[in-house]
mmCIF file of all heavy atoms, coordinates in Angstrom:
data_MODEL
# 
_entry.id   MODEL 
# 
loop_
_atom_site.group_PDB 
_atom_site.id 
_atom_site.type_symbol 
_atom_site.label_atom_id 
_atom_site.label_alt_id 
_atom_site.label_comp_id 
_atom_site.label_asym_id 
_atom_site.label_entity_id 
_atom_site.label_seq_id 
_atom_site.pdbx_PDB_ins_code 
_atom_site.Cartn_x 
_atom_site.Cartn_y 
_atom_site.Cartn_z 
_atom_site.occupancy 
_atom_site.B_iso_or_equiv 
_atom_site.pdbx_formal_charge 
_atom_site.auth_seq_id 
_atom_site.auth_comp_id 
_atom_site.auth_asym_id 
_atom_site.auth_atom_id 
_atom_site.pdbx_PDB_model_num 
ATOM 1   N N   . VAL A 1 1  ? 34.338 -14.370 34.407 1.00 0.00 ? 1  VAL A N   1 
ATOM 2   C CA  . VAL A 1 1  ? 35.187 -14.144 33.249 1.00 0.00 ? 1  VAL A CA  1 
ATOM 3   C C   . VAL A 1 1  ? 34.407 -14.381 31.991 1.00 0.00 ? 1  VAL A C   1 
ATOM 4   O O   . VAL A 1 1  ? 34.501 -13.627 31.002 1.00 0.00 ? 1  VAL A O   1 
ATOM 5   C CB  . VAL A 1 1  ? 36.418 -15.035 33.300 1.00 0.00 ? 1  VAL A CB  1 
ATOM 6   C CG1 . VAL A 1 1  ? 37.284 -14.878 32.048 1.00 0.00 ? 1  VAL A CG1 1 
ATOM 7   C CG2 . VAL A 1 1  ? 37.266 -14.768 34.555 1.00 0.00 ? 1  VAL A CG2 1 
ATOM 8   N N   . SER A 1 2  ? 33.598 -15.455 31.973 1.00 0.00 ? 2  SER A N   1 
ATOM 9   C CA  . SER A 1 2  ? 32.905 -15.837 30.711 1.00 0.00 ? 2  SER A CA  1 
ATOM 10  C C   . SER A 1 2  ? 31.706 -14.920 30.405 1.00 0.00 ? 2  SER A C   1 
ATOM 11  O O   . SER A 1 2  ? 31.314 -14.832 29.288 1.00 0.00 ? 2  SER A O   1 
ATOM 12  C CB  . SER A 1 2  ? 32.409 -17.284 30.787 1.00 0.00 ? 2  SER A CB  1 
ATOM 13  O OG  . SER A 1 2  ? 31.365 -17.358 31.729 1.00 0.00 ? 2  SER A OG  1 
ATOM 14  N N   . GLY A 1 3  ? 31.136 -14.277 31.439 1.00 0.00 ? 3  GLY A N   1 
ATOM 15  C CA  . GLY A 1 3  ? 29.942 -13.518 31.257 1.00 0.00 ? 3  GLY A CA  1 
ATOM 16  C C   . GLY A 1 3  ? 28.662 -14.321 31.352 1.00 0.00 ? 3  GLY A C   1 
ATOM 17  O O   . GLY A 1 3  ? 27.561 -13.730 31.364 1.00 0.00 ? 3  GLY A O   1 
ATOM 18  N N   . ILE A 1 4  ? 28.756 -15.636 31.420 1.00 0.00 ? 4  ILE A N   1 
ATOM 19  C CA  . ILE A 1 4  ? 27.610 -16.458 31.570 1.00 0.00 ? 4  ILE A CA  1 
ATOM 20  C C   . ILE A 1 4  ? 27.379 -16.712 33.050 1.00 0.00 ? 4  ILE A C   1 
ATOM 21  O O   . ILE A 1 4  ? 28.029 -17.648 33.624 1.00 0.00 ? 4  ILE A O   1 
ATOM 22  C CB  . ILE A 1 4  ? 27.744 -17.803 30.751 1.00 0.00 ? 4  ILE A CB  1 
ATOM 23  C CG1 . ILE A 1 4  ? 28.044 -17.518 29.287 1.00 0.00 ? 4  ILE A CG1 1 
ATOM 24  C CG2 . ILE A 1 4  ? 26.478 -18.640 30.905 1.00 0.00 ? 4  ILE A CG2 1 
ATOM 25  C CD1 . ILE A 1 4  ? 26.987 -16.720 28.566 1.00 0.00 ? 4  ILE A CD1 1 
ATOM 26  N N   . VAL A 1 5  ? 26.497 -15.999 33.674 1.00 0.00 ? 5  VAL A N   1 
ATOM 27  C CA  . VAL A 1 5  ? 26.380 -15.999 35.150 1.00 0.00 ? 5  VAL A CA  1 
ATOM 28  C C   . VAL A 1 5  ? 25.175 -16.838 35.521 1.00 0.00 ? 5  VAL A C   1 
ATOM 29  O O   . VAL A 1 5  ? 24.899 -16.936 36.762 1.00 0.00 ? 5  VAL A O   1 
ATOM 30  C CB  . VAL A 1 5  ? 26.283 -14.573 35.680 1.00 0.00 ? 5  VAL A CB  1 
ATOM 31  C CG1 . VAL A 1 5  ? 27.524 -13.803 35.390 1.00 0.00 ? 5  VAL A CG1 1 
ATOM 32  C CG2 . VAL A 1 5  ? 25.064 -13.824 35.093 1.00 0.00 ? 5  VAL A CG2 1 
ATOM 33  N N   . GLY A 1 6  ? 24.438 -17.401 34.627 1.00 0.00 ? 6  GLY A N   1 
ATOM 34  C CA  . GLY A 1 6  ? 23.276 -18.173 34.977 1.00 0.00 ? 6  GLY A CA  1 
ATOM 35  C C   . GLY A 1 6  ? 22.538 -18.695 33.735 1.00 0.00 ? 6  GLY A C   1 
ATOM 36  O O   . GLY A 1 6  ? 22.973 -18.390 32.626 1.00 0.00 ? 6  GLY A O   1 
ATOM 37  N N   . ASN A 1 7  ? 21.460 -19.404 33.856 1.00 0.00 ? 7  ASN A N   1 
ATOM 38  C CA  . ASN A 1 7  ? 20.640 -19.793 32.730 1.00 0.00 ? 7  ASN A CA  1 
ATOM 39  C C   . ASN A 1 7  ? 19.954 -18.542 32.161 1.00 0.00 ? 7  ASN A C   1 
ATOM 40  O O   . ASN A 1 7  ? 19.754 -18.410 30.975 1.00 0.00 ? 7  ASN A O   1 
ATOM 41  C CB  . ASN A 1 7  ? 19.580 -20.818 33.154 1.00 0.00 ? 7  ASN A CB  1 
ATOM 42  C CG  . ASN A 1 7  ? 20.191 -22.150 33.502 1.00 0.00 ? 7  ASN A CG  1 
ATOM 43  O OD1 . ASN A 1 7  ? 21.300 -22.480 33.051 1.00 0.00 ? 7  ASN A OD1 1 
ATOM 44  N ND2 . ASN A 1 7  ? 19.477 -22.946 34.276 1.00 0.00 ? 7  ASN A ND2 1 
ATOM 45  N N   . GLU A 1 8  ? 19.547 -17.589 33.030 1.00 0.00 ? 8  GLU A N   1 
ATOM 46  C CA  . GLU A 1 8  ? 18.988 -16.361 32.622 1.00 0.00 ? 8  GLU A CA  1 
ATOM 47  C C   . GLU A 1 8  ? 19.263 -15.294 33.711 1.00 0.00 ? 8  GLU A C   1 
ATOM 48  O O   . GLU A 1 8  ? 19.569 -15.614 34.870 1.00 0.00 ? 8  GLU A O   1 
ATOM 49  C CB  . GLU A 1 8  ? 17.480 -16.478 32.362 1.00 0.00 ? 8  GLU A CB  1 
ATOM 50  C CG  . GLU A 1 8  ? 16.691 -16.965 33.544 1.00 0.00 ? 8  GLU A CG  1 
ATOM 51  C CD  . GLU A 1 8  ? 15.196 -17.084 33.217 1.00 0.00 ? 8  GLU A CD  1 
ATOM 52  O OE1 . GLU A 1 8  ? 14.878 -17.668 32.225 1.00 0.00 ? 8  GLU A OE1 1 
ATOM 53  O OE2 . GLU A 1 8  ? 14.378 -16.622 34.016 1.00 0.00 ? 8  GLU A OE2 1 
ATOM 54  N N   . TRP A 1 9  ? 19.120 -14.021 33.346 1.00 0.00 ? 9  TRP A N   1 
ATOM 55  C CA  . TRP A 1 9  ? 19.419 -12.969 34.262 1.00 0.00 ? 9  TRP A CA  1 
ATOM 56  C C   . TRP A 1 9  ? 18.786 -11.645 33.706 1.00 0.00 ? 9  TRP A C   1 
ATOM 57  O O   . TRP A 1 9  ? 18.395 -11.647 32.491 1.00 0.00 ? 9  TRP A O   1 
ATOM 58  C CB  . TRP A 1 9  ? 20.846 -12.745 34.507 1.00 0.00 ? 9  TRP A CB  1 
ATOM 59  C CG  . TRP A 1 9  ? 21.701 -12.422 33.289 1.00 0.00 ? 9  TRP A CG  1 
ATOM 60  C CD1 . TRP A 1 9  ? 21.990 -11.196 32.768 1.00 0.00 ? 9  TRP A CD1 1 
ATOM 61  C CD2 . TRP A 1 9  ? 22.394 -13.343 32.472 1.00 0.00 ? 9  TRP A CD2 1 
ATOM 62  N NE1 . TRP A 1 9  ? 22.721 -11.293 31.637 1.00 0.00 ? 9  TRP A NE1 1 
ATOM 63  C CE2 . TRP A 1 9  ? 23.017 -12.642 31.426 1.00 0.00 ? 9  TRP A CE2 1 
ATOM 64  C CE3 . TRP A 1 9  ? 22.525 -14.793 32.516 1.00 0.00 ? 9  TRP A CE3 1 
ATOM 65  C CZ2 . TRP A 1 9  ? 23.755 -13.266 30.418 1.00 0.00 ? 9  TRP A CZ2 1 
ATOM 66  C CZ3 . TRP A 1 9  ? 23.281 -15.391 31.485 1.00 0.00 ? 9  TRP A CZ3 1 
ATOM 67  C CH2 . TRP A 1 9  ? 23.846 -14.619 30.532 1.00 0.00 ? 9  TRP A CH2 1 
ATOM 68  N N   . TYR A 1 10 ? 18.753 -10.663 34.541 1.00 0.00 ? 10 TYR A N   1 
ATOM 69  C CA  . TYR A 1 10 ? 18.256 -9.293  34.097 1.00 0.00 ? 10 TYR A CA  1 
ATOM 70  C C   . TYR A 1 10 ? 19.363 -8.540  33.463 1.00 0.00 ? 10 TYR A C   1 
ATOM 71  O O   . TYR A 1 10 ? 20.433 -8.319  34.121 1.00 0.00 ? 10 TYR A O   1 
ATOM 72  C CB  . TYR A 1 10 ? 17.638 -8.566  35.236 1.00 0.00 ? 10 TYR A CB  1 
ATOM 73  C CG  . TYR A 1 10 ? 17.031 -7.248  34.782 1.00 0.00 ? 10 TYR A CG  1 
ATOM 74  C CD1 . TYR A 1 10 ? 15.783 -7.199  34.255 1.00 0.00 ? 10 TYR A CD1 1 
ATOM 75  C CD2 . TYR A 1 10 ? 17.755 -6.053  34.954 1.00 0.00 ? 10 TYR A CD2 1 
ATOM 76  C CE1 . TYR A 1 10 ? 15.221 -6.003  33.829 1.00 0.00 ? 10 TYR A CE1 1 
ATOM 77  C CE2 . TYR A 1 10 ? 17.170 -4.865  34.569 1.00 0.00 ? 10 TYR A CE2 1 
ATOM 78  C CZ  . TYR A 1 10 ? 15.956 -4.791  34.004 1.00 0.00 ? 10 TYR A CZ  1 
ATOM 79  O OH  . TYR A 1 10 ? 15.390 -3.597  33.553 1.00 0.00 ? 10 TYR A OH  1 
ATOM 80  N N   . ASP A 1 11 ? 19.224 -8.120  32.215 1.00 0.00 ? 11 ASP A N   1 
ATOM 81  C CA  . ASP A 1 11 ? 20.219 -7.318  31.533 1.00 0.00 ? 11 ASP A CA  1 
ATOM 82  C C   . ASP A 1 11 ? 19.834 -5.873  31.647 1.00 0.00 ? 11 ASP A C   1 
ATOM 83  O O   . ASP A 1 11 ? 18.804 -5.462  31.097 1.00 0.00 ? 11 ASP A O   1 
ATOM 84  C CB  . ASP A 1 11 ? 20.327 -7.750  30.038 1.00 0.00 ? 11 ASP A CB  1 
ATOM 85  C CG  . ASP A 1 11 ? 21.464 -7.081  29.330 1.00 0.00 ? 11 ASP A CG  1 
ATOM 86  O OD1 . ASP A 1 11 ? 21.417 -5.865  29.083 1.00 0.00 ? 11 ASP A OD1 1 
ATOM 87  O OD2 . ASP A 1 11 ? 22.448 -7.803  29.001 1.00 0.00 ? 11 ASP A OD2 1 
ATOM 88  N N   . ARG A 1 12 ? 20.652 -5.079  32.332 1.00 0.00 ? 12 ARG A N   1 
ATOM 89  C CA  . ARG A 1 12 ? 20.378 -3.678  32.566 1.00 0.00 ? 12 ARG A CA  1 
ATOM 90  C C   . ARG A 1 12 ? 20.391 -2.862  31.242 1.00 0.00 ? 12 ARG A C   1 
ATOM 91  O O   . ARG A 1 12 ? 19.582 -1.905  31.094 1.00 0.00 ? 12 ARG A O   1 
ATOM 92  C CB  . ARG A 1 12 ? 21.328 -3.127  33.525 1.00 0.00 ? 12 ARG A CB  1 
ATOM 93  C CG  . ARG A 1 12 ? 21.012 -3.523  34.973 1.00 0.00 ? 12 ARG A CG  1 
ATOM 94  C CD  . ARG A 1 12 ? 22.031 -2.973  35.974 1.00 0.00 ? 12 ARG A CD  1 
ATOM 95  N NE  . ARG A 1 12 ? 23.366 -3.573  35.768 1.00 0.00 ? 12 ARG A NE  1 
ATOM 96  C CZ  . ARG A 1 12 ? 24.412 -3.238  36.579 1.00 0.00 ? 12 ARG A CZ  1 
ATOM 97  N NH1 . ARG A 1 12 ? 24.227 -2.404  37.558 1.00 0.00 ? 12 ARG A NH1 1 
ATOM 98  N NH2 . ARG A 1 12 ? 25.568 -3.782  36.334 1.00 0.00 ? 12 ARG A NH2 1 
ATOM 99  N N   . GLU A 1 13 ? 21.266 -3.225  30.312 1.00 0.00 ? 13 GLU A N   1 
ATOM 100 C CA  . GLU A 1 13 ? 21.335 -2.469  29.041 1.00 0.00 ? 13 GLU A CA  1 
ATOM 101 C C   . GLU A 1 13 ? 20.121 -2.687  28.235 1.00 0.00 ? 13 GLU A C   1 
ATOM 102 O O   . GLU A 1 13 ? 19.638 -1.796  27.545 1.00 0.00 ? 13 GLU A O   1 
ATOM 103 C CB  . GLU A 1 13 ? 22.630 -2.815  28.350 1.00 0.00 ? 13 GLU A CB  1 
ATOM 104 C CG  . GLU A 1 13 ? 23.883 -2.340  28.973 1.00 0.00 ? 13 GLU A CG  1 
ATOM 105 C CD  . GLU A 1 13 ? 25.158 -2.618  28.085 1.00 0.00 ? 13 GLU A CD  1 
ATOM 106 O OE1 . GLU A 1 13 ? 24.941 -3.181  26.962 1.00 0.00 ? 13 GLU A OE1 1 
ATOM 107 O OE2 . GLU A 1 13 ? 26.225 -2.242  28.539 1.00 0.00 ? 13 GLU A OE2 1 
ATOM 108 N N   . GLU A 1 14 ? 19.659 -3.911  28.194 1.00 0.00 ? 14 GLU A N   1 
ATOM 109 C CA  . GLU A 1 14 ? 18.489 -4.285  27.379 1.00 0.00 ? 14 GLU A CA  1 
ATOM 110 C C   . GLU A 1 14 ? 17.160 -4.000  28.121 1.00 0.00 ? 14 GLU A C   1 
ATOM 111 O O   . GLU A 1 14 ? 16.066 -3.935  27.514 1.00 0.00 ? 14 GLU A O   1 
ATOM 112 C CB  . GLU A 1 14 ? 18.535 -5.703  26.907 1.00 0.00 ? 14 GLU A CB  1 
ATOM 113 C CG  . GLU A 1 14 ? 19.742 -6.031  25.999 1.00 0.00 ? 14 GLU A CG  1 
ATOM 114 C CD  . GLU A 1 14 ? 19.653 -7.419  25.466 1.00 0.00 ? 14 GLU A CD  1 
ATOM 115 O OE1 . GLU A 1 14 ? 18.520 -7.910  25.193 1.00 0.00 ? 14 GLU A OE1 1 
ATOM 116 O OE2 . GLU A 1 14 ? 20.721 -8.044  25.303 1.00 0.00 ? 14 GLU A OE2 1 
ATOM 117 N N   . GLY A 1 15 ? 17.261 -3.845  29.456 1.00 0.00 ? 15 GLY A N   1 
ATOM 118 C CA  . GLY A 1 15 ? 16.071 -3.577  30.275 1.00 0.00 ? 15 GLY A CA  1 
ATOM 119 C C   . GLY A 1 15 ? 15.121 -4.779  30.279 1.00 0.00 ? 15 GLY A C   1 
ATOM 120 O O   . GLY A 1 15 ? 13.887 -4.536  30.368 1.00 0.00 ? 15 GLY A O   1 
ATOM 121 N N   . ARG A 1 16 ? 15.590 -5.972  30.247 1.00 0.00 ? 16 ARG A N   1 
ATOM 122 C CA  . ARG A 1 16 ? 14.736 -7.185  30.256 1.00 0.00 ? 16 ARG A CA  1 
ATOM 123 C C   . ARG A 1 16 ? 15.537 -8.380  30.705 1.00 0.00 ? 16 ARG A C   1 
ATOM 124 O O   . ARG A 1 16 ? 16.759 -8.359  30.793 1.00 0.00 ? 16 ARG A O   1 
ATOM 125 C CB  . ARG A 1 16 ? 14.194 -7.410  28.865 1.00 0.00 ? 16 ARG A CB  1 
ATOM 126 C CG  . ARG A 1 16 ? 15.275 -7.817  27.849 1.00 0.00 ? 16 ARG A CG  1 
ATOM 127 C CD  . ARG A 1 16 ? 14.728 -7.963  26.441 1.00 0.00 ? 16 ARG A CD  1 
ATOM 128 N NE  . ARG A 1 16 ? 15.712 -8.458  25.502 1.00 0.00 ? 16 ARG A NE  1 
ATOM 129 C CZ  . ARG A 1 16 ? 15.879 -9.742  25.166 1.00 0.00 ? 16 ARG A CZ  1 
ATOM 130 N NH1 . ARG A 1 16 ? 15.047 -10.627 25.637 1.00 0.00 ? 16 ARG A NH1 1 
ATOM 131 N NH2 . ARG A 1 16 ? 16.806 -10.081 24.358 1.00 0.00 ? 16 ARG A NH2 1 
ATOM 132 N N   . ARG A 1 17 ? 14.784 -9.436  31.016 1.00 0.00 ? 17 ARG A N   1 
ATOM 133 C CA  . ARG A 1 17 ? 15.427 -10.672 31.341 1.00 0.00 ? 17 ARG A CA  1 
ATOM 134 C C   . ARG A 1 17 ? 15.930 -11.373 30.049 1.00 0.00 ? 17 ARG A C   1 
ATOM 135 O O   . ARG A 1 17 ? 15.182 -11.380 29.078 1.00 0.00 ? 17 ARG A O   1 
ATOM 136 C CB  . ARG A 1 17 ? 14.475 -11.628 32.106 1.00 0.00 ? 17 ARG A CB  1 
ATOM 137 C CG  . ARG A 1 17 ? 14.143 -11.152 33.445 1.00 0.00 ? 17 ARG A CG  1 
ATOM 138 C CD  . ARG A 1 17 ? 13.365 -12.220 34.297 1.00 0.00 ? 17 ARG A CD  1 
ATOM 139 N NE  . ARG A 1 17 ? 14.259 -13.395 34.584 1.00 0.00 ? 17 ARG A NE  1 
ATOM 140 C CZ  . ARG A 1 17 ? 15.045 -13.466 35.609 1.00 0.00 ? 17 ARG A CZ  1 
ATOM 141 N NH1 . ARG A 1 17 ? 15.231 -12.424 36.430 1.00 0.00 ? 17 ARG A NH1 1 
ATOM 142 N NH2 . ARG A 1 17 ? 15.827 -14.557 35.826 1.00 0.00 ? 17 ARG A NH2 1 
ATOM 143 N N   . VAL A 1 18 ? 17.080 -11.935 30.056 1.00 0.00 ? 18 VAL A N   1 
ATOM 144 C CA  . VAL A 1 18 ? 17.664 -12.546 28.923 1.00 0.00 ? 18 VAL A CA  1 
ATOM 145 C C   . VAL A 1 18 ? 18.099 -13.980 29.327 1.00 0.00 ? 18 VAL A C   1 
ATOM 146 O O   . VAL A 1 18 ? 18.317 -14.256 30.501 1.00 0.00 ? 18 VAL A O   1 
ATOM 147 C CB  . VAL A 1 18 ? 18.865 -11.838 28.297 1.00 0.00 ? 18 VAL A CB  1 
ATOM 148 C CG1 . VAL A 1 18 ? 18.447 -10.393 27.910 1.00 0.00 ? 18 VAL A CG1 1 
ATOM 149 C CG2 . VAL A 1 18 ? 19.959 -11.720 29.371 1.00 0.00 ? 18 VAL A CG2 1 
ATOM 150 N N   . THR A 1 19 ? 18.306 -14.867 28.356 1.00 0.00 ? 19 THR A N   1 
ATOM 151 C CA  . THR A 1 19 ? 18.825 -16.153 28.630 1.00 0.00 ? 19 THR A CA  1 
ATOM 152 C C   . THR A 1 19 ? 20.344 -16.170 28.242 1.00 0.00 ? 19 THR A C   1 
ATOM 153 O O   . THR A 1 19 ? 20.816 -15.213 27.582 1.00 0.00 ? 19 THR A O   1 
ATOM 154 C CB  . THR A 1 19 ? 18.117 -17.253 27.899 1.00 0.00 ? 19 THR A CB  1 
ATOM 155 O OG1 . THR A 1 19 ? 18.491 -17.211 26.439 1.00 0.00 ? 19 THR A OG1 1 
ATOM 156 C CG2 . THR A 1 19 ? 16.633 -17.173 28.036 1.00 0.00 ? 19 THR A CG2 1 
ATOM 157 N N   . SER A 1 20 ? 21.023 -17.214 28.596 1.00 0.00 ? 20 SER A N   1 
ATOM 158 C CA  . SER A 1 20 ? 22.433 -17.257 28.356 1.00 0.00 ? 20 SER A CA  1 
ATOM 159 C C   . SER A 1 20 ? 22.786 -17.282 26.825 1.00 0.00 ? 20 SER A C   1 
ATOM 160 O O   . SER A 1 20 ? 23.942 -16.917 26.499 1.00 0.00 ? 20 SER A O   1 
ATOM 161 C CB  . SER A 1 20 ? 23.036 -18.532 28.960 1.00 0.00 ? 20 SER A CB  1 
ATOM 162 O OG  . SER A 1 20 ? 22.372 -19.712 28.486 1.00 0.00 ? 20 SER A OG  1 
ATOM 163 N N   . ALA A 1 21 ? 21.854 -17.584 25.992 1.00 0.00 ? 21 ALA A N   1 
ATOM 164 C CA  . ALA A 1 21 ? 22.098 -17.635 24.562 1.00 0.00 ? 21 ALA A CA  1 
ATOM 165 C C   . ALA A 1 21 ? 21.157 -16.763 23.708 1.00 0.00 ? 21 ALA A C   1 
ATOM 166 O O   . ALA A 1 21 ? 21.254 -16.816 22.507 1.00 0.00 ? 21 ALA A O   1 
ATOM 167 C CB  . ALA A 1 21 ? 22.073 -19.098 24.018 1.00 0.00 ? 21 ALA A CB  1 
ATOM 168 N N   . SER A 1 22 ? 20.247 -16.031 24.366 1.00 0.00 ? 22 SER A N   1 
ATOM 169 C CA  . SER A 1 22 ? 19.289 -15.298 23.586 1.00 0.00 ? 22 SER A CA  1 
ATOM 170 C C   . SER A 1 22 ? 19.936 -14.187 22.776 1.00 0.00 ? 22 SER A C   1 
ATOM 171 O O   . SER A 1 22 ? 20.909 -13.566 23.217 1.00 0.00 ? 22 SER A O   1 
ATOM 172 C CB  . SER A 1 22 ? 18.188 -14.664 24.511 1.00 0.00 ? 22 SER A CB  1 
ATOM 173 O OG  . SER A 1 22 ? 18.793 -13.813 25.463 1.00 0.00 ? 22 SER A OG  1 
ATOM 174 N N   . ASP A 1 23 ? 19.437 -13.943 21.565 1.00 0.00 ? 23 ASP A N   1 
ATOM 175 C CA  . ASP A 1 23 ? 20.032 -12.956 20.718 1.00 0.00 ? 23 ASP A CA  1 
ATOM 176 C C   . ASP A 1 23 ? 18.931 -12.446 19.754 1.00 0.00 ? 23 ASP A C   1 
ATOM 177 O O   . ASP A 1 23 ? 18.568 -13.091 18.766 1.00 0.00 ? 23 ASP A O   1 
ATOM 178 C CB  . ASP A 1 23 ? 21.178 -13.524 19.901 1.00 0.00 ? 23 ASP A CB  1 
ATOM 179 C CG  . ASP A 1 23 ? 21.925 -12.517 19.070 1.00 0.00 ? 23 ASP A CG  1 
ATOM 180 O OD1 . ASP A 1 23 ? 21.475 -11.397 18.957 1.00 0.00 ? 23 ASP A OD1 1 
ATOM 181 O OD2 . ASP A 1 23 ? 23.007 -12.821 18.476 1.00 0.00 ? 23 ASP A OD2 1 
ATOM 182 N N   . LEU A 1 24 ? 18.467 -11.197 19.945 1.00 0.00 ? 24 LEU A N   1 
ATOM 183 C CA  . LEU A 1 24 ? 17.400 -10.646 19.141 1.00 0.00 ? 24 LEU A CA  1 
ATOM 184 C C   . LEU A 1 24 ? 17.870 -10.365 17.685 1.00 0.00 ? 24 LEU A C   1 
ATOM 185 O O   . LEU A 1 24 ? 17.019 -10.077 16.805 1.00 0.00 ? 24 LEU A O   1 
ATOM 186 C CB  . LEU A 1 24 ? 16.854 -9.365  19.755 1.00 0.00 ? 24 LEU A CB  1 
ATOM 187 C CG  . LEU A 1 24 ? 16.138 -9.527  21.143 1.00 0.00 ? 24 LEU A CG  1 
ATOM 188 C CD1 . LEU A 1 24 ? 15.744 -8.144  21.667 1.00 0.00 ? 24 LEU A CD1 1 
ATOM 189 C CD2 . LEU A 1 24 ? 14.923 -10.449 20.973 1.00 0.00 ? 24 LEU A CD2 1 
ATOM 190 N N   . ASN A 1 25 ? 19.182 -10.371 17.446 1.00 0.00 ? 25 ASN A N   1 
ATOM 191 C CA  . ASN A 1 25 ? 19.675 -10.085 16.153 1.00 0.00 ? 25 ASN A CA  1 
ATOM 192 C C   . ASN A 1 25 ? 19.732 -11.317 15.248 1.00 0.00 ? 25 ASN A C   1 
ATOM 193 O O   . ASN A 1 25 ? 20.226 -11.235 14.086 1.00 0.00 ? 25 ASN A O   1 
ATOM 194 C CB  . ASN A 1 25 ? 21.086 -9.475  16.227 1.00 0.00 ? 25 ASN A CB  1 
ATOM 195 C CG  . ASN A 1 25 ? 21.115 -8.140  16.874 1.00 0.00 ? 25 ASN A CG  1 
ATOM 196 O OD1 . ASN A 1 25 ? 20.261 -7.301  16.561 1.00 0.00 ? 25 ASN A OD1 1 
ATOM 197 N ND2 . ASN A 1 25 ? 22.002 -7.915  17.796 1.00 0.00 ? 25 ASN A ND2 1 
ATOM 198 N N   . THR A 1 26 ? 19.256 -12.461 15.740 1.00 0.00 ? 26 THR A N   1 
ATOM 199 C CA  . THR A 1 26 ? 19.211 -13.674 14.924 1.00 0.00 ? 26 THR A CA  1 
ATOM 200 C C   . THR A 1 26 ? 17.834 -14.189 14.867 1.00 0.00 ? 26 THR A C   1 
ATOM 201 O O   . THR A 1 26 ? 16.913 -13.764 15.552 1.00 0.00 ? 26 THR A O   1 
ATOM 202 C CB  . THR A 1 26 ? 20.177 -14.780 15.552 1.00 0.00 ? 26 THR A CB  1 
ATOM 203 O OG1 . THR A 1 26 ? 19.617 -15.131 16.850 1.00 0.00 ? 26 THR A OG1 1 
ATOM 204 C CG2 . THR A 1 26 ? 21.557 -14.288 15.721 1.00 0.00 ? 26 THR A CG2 1 
ATOM 205 N N   . ARG A 1 27 ? 17.632 -15.158 13.970 1.00 0.00 ? 27 ARG A N   1 
ATOM 206 C CA  . ARG A 1 27 ? 16.308 -15.706 13.725 1.00 0.00 ? 27 ARG A CA  1 
ATOM 207 C C   . ARG A 1 27 ? 16.446 -17.293 13.849 1.00 0.00 ? 27 ARG A C   1 
ATOM 208 O O   . ARG A 1 27 ? 17.418 -17.892 13.476 1.00 0.00 ? 27 ARG A O   1 
ATOM 209 C CB  . ARG A 1 27 ? 15.791 -15.382 12.335 1.00 0.00 ? 27 ARG A CB  1 
ATOM 210 C CG  . ARG A 1 27 ? 14.427 -15.890 11.981 1.00 0.00 ? 27 ARG A CG  1 
ATOM 211 C CD  . ARG A 1 27 ? 13.936 -15.302 10.669 1.00 0.00 ? 27 ARG A CD  1 
ATOM 212 N NE  . ARG A 1 27 ? 14.953 -15.544 9.569  1.00 0.00 ? 27 ARG A NE  1 
ATOM 213 C CZ  . ARG A 1 27 ? 15.006 -16.566 8.850  1.00 0.00 ? 27 ARG A CZ  1 
ATOM 214 N NH1 . ARG A 1 27 ? 14.190 -17.593 9.047  1.00 0.00 ? 27 ARG A NH1 1 
ATOM 215 N NH2 . ARG A 1 27 ? 15.982 -16.668 7.864  1.00 0.00 ? 27 ARG A NH2 1 
ATOM 216 N N   . LEU A 1 28 ? 15.405 -17.872 14.477 1.00 0.00 ? 28 LEU A N   1 
ATOM 217 C CA  . LEU A 1 28 ? 15.395 -19.351 14.599 1.00 0.00 ? 28 LEU A CA  1 
ATOM 218 C C   . LEU A 1 28 ? 15.098 -19.978 13.289 1.00 0.00 ? 28 LEU A C   1 
ATOM 219 O O   . LEU A 1 28 ? 14.199 -19.608 12.565 1.00 0.00 ? 28 LEU A O   1 
ATOM 220 C CB  . LEU A 1 28 ? 14.317 -19.748 15.637 1.00 0.00 ? 28 LEU A CB  1 
ATOM 221 C CG  . LEU A 1 28 ? 14.319 -21.142 16.140 1.00 0.00 ? 28 LEU A CG  1 
ATOM 222 C CD1 . LEU A 1 28 ? 15.611 -21.431 16.950 1.00 0.00 ? 28 LEU A CD1 1 
ATOM 223 C CD2 . LEU A 1 28 ? 13.094 -21.438 16.964 1.00 0.00 ? 28 LEU A CD2 1 
ATOM 224 N N   . LEU A 1 29 ? 15.884 -20.978 12.935 1.00 0.00 ? 29 LEU A N   1 
ATOM 225 C CA  . LEU A 1 29 ? 15.729 -21.765 11.673 1.00 0.00 ? 29 LEU A CA  1 
ATOM 226 C C   . LEU A 1 29 ? 15.040 -23.052 12.006 1.00 0.00 ? 29 LEU A C   1 
ATOM 227 O O   . LEU A 1 29 ? 15.554 -23.821 12.744 1.00 0.00 ? 29 LEU A O   1 
ATOM 228 C CB  . LEU A 1 29 ? 17.046 -21.977 10.992 1.00 0.00 ? 29 LEU A CB  1 
ATOM 229 C CG  . LEU A 1 29 ? 17.850 -20.745 10.577 1.00 0.00 ? 29 LEU A CG  1 
ATOM 230 C CD1 . LEU A 1 29 ? 19.213 -21.143 10.020 1.00 0.00 ? 29 LEU A CD1 1 
ATOM 231 C CD2 . LEU A 1 29 ? 17.063 -19.980 9.475  1.00 0.00 ? 29 LEU A CD2 1 
# 
């Protein structure tokens, strides 16, 4: 239900491994 299925997983839409909180649209401060 939440969409958080692990610490990381392969995202088919992005074509890469992602983490549960990764977001390329943001920048680390």
